[in-house]
Amino acid sequence: MEVLNTVARIARTNASVLITGESGTGKELIAEAIHINSQRVKQPFVKVNLGGISQSLFESEMFGHKKGRLPMPAPTV
């Protein structure tokens, strides 16, 4: 029940939400519930699986980067 209350509370805001958790815990269902109960319900719902990308690439894609300063993987030794 606490999860549903949180979904309802978040859906009323214009906040961006990052849902984390183990595989199979229902993250996508929670995301869809937030979307369906939000003012954005008539806009597209875009699913993004971040399991295959690095943290630096995620941050660059979501928050931008300075021109000419793309994130580079750490060198392996």
Protein backbone atom coordinates (compact mmCIF):
# COMPACT_ATOMS: atom_id res chain seq x y z
CA MET A 1 0.00 0.00 0.00
CA GLU A 2 2.89 2.38 0.74
CA VAL A 3 4.13 1.98 -2.84
CA LEU A 4 0.75 2.98 -4.26
CA ASN A 5 0.64 6.04 -2.02
CA THR A 6 4.11 7.00 -3.26
CA VAL A 7 3.01 6.50 -6.89
CA ALA A 8 0.02 8.79 -6.35
CA ARG A 9 2.12 11.44 -4.61
CA ILE A 10 4.78 11.42 -7.36
CA ALA A 11 2.23 11.42 -10.19
CA ARG A 12 0.86 14.78 -8.98
CA THR A 13 4.26 16.44 -9.44
CA ASN A 14 6.27 17.44 -12.49
CA ALA A 15 9.39 15.77 -11.11
CA SER A 16 11.63 13.42 -13.03
CA VAL A 17 11.87 10.00 -11.39
CA LEU A 18 14.63 7.40 -11.45
CA ILE A 19 13.35 3.98 -10.40
CA THR A 20 16.00 1.49 -9.35
CA GLY A 21 15.86 -2.10 -8.17
CA GLU A 22 16.72 -5.67 -8.92
CA SER A 23 15.53 -7.38 -12.09
CA GLY A 24 11.92 -8.54 -11.86
CA THR A 25 10.83 -6.24 -9.01
CA GLY A 26 8.22 -4.32 -11.03
CA LYS A 27 10.08 -1.12 -11.84
CA GLU A 28 8.41 -0.85 -15.23
CA LEU A 29 4.95 -1.35 -13.71
CA ILE A 30 5.61 1.43 -11.20
CA ALA A 31 6.83 3.73 -13.98
CA GLU A 32 3.71 3.05 -16.04
CA ALA A 33 1.46 3.63 -12.99
CA ILE A 34 3.11 6.99 -12.37
CA HIS A 35 2.69 7.93 -16.03
CA ILE A 36 -0.95 6.85 -16.23
CA ASN A 37 -1.82 8.82 -13.10
CA SER A 38 0.07 11.95 -14.12
CA GLN A 39 -0.83 15.01 -16.16
CA ARG A 40 1.45 13.61 -18.89
CA VAL A 41 -0.81 10.63 -19.54
CA LYS A 42 -1.55 11.80 -23.11
CA GLN A 43 2.15 12.17 -23.92
CA PRO A 44 4.39 9.26 -24.98
CA PHE A 45 5.74 6.94 -22.30
CA VAL A 46 9.36 6.11 -23.09
CA LYS A 47 10.97 3.08 -21.45
CA VAL A 48 14.75 3.20 -20.95
CA ASN A 49 16.75 0.20 -19.78
CA LEU A 50 20.00 1.48 -18.30
CA GLY A 51 21.47 -1.94 -17.57
CA GLY A 52 23.80 -1.85 -20.54
CA ILE A 53 25.32 1.62 -20.29
CA SER A 54 27.90 3.19 -18.00
CA GLN A 55 27.07 5.77 -15.35
CA SER A 56 29.01 8.48 -17.16
CA LEU A 57 27.21 7.85 -20.46
CA PHE A 58 23.85 7.89 -18.65
CA GLU A 59 24.69 11.23 -17.02
CA SER A 60 25.81 12.65 -20.36
CA GLU A 61 22.65 11.52 -22.14
CA MET A 62 20.27 12.67 -19.41
CA PHE A 63 21.96 15.89 -18.29
CA GLY A 64 24.15 16.86 -21.25
CA HIS A 65 27.86 17.43 -21.63
CA LYS A 66 30.20 20.19 -22.69
CA LYS A 67 31.10 20.24 -26.37
CA GLY A 68 34.26 18.21 -26.99
CA ARG A 69 34.18 16.59 -23.54
CA LEU A 70 32.40 13.29 -24.03
CA PRO A 71 32.83 10.80 -21.21
CA MET A 72 35.58 8.29 -21.77
CA PRO A 73 35.84 4.89 -20.12
CA ALA A 74 38.47 4.58 -17.42
CA PRO A 75 41.70 3.00 -18.71
CA THR A 76 42.22 -0.61 -17.76
CA VAL A 77 45.52 -1.63 -16.26
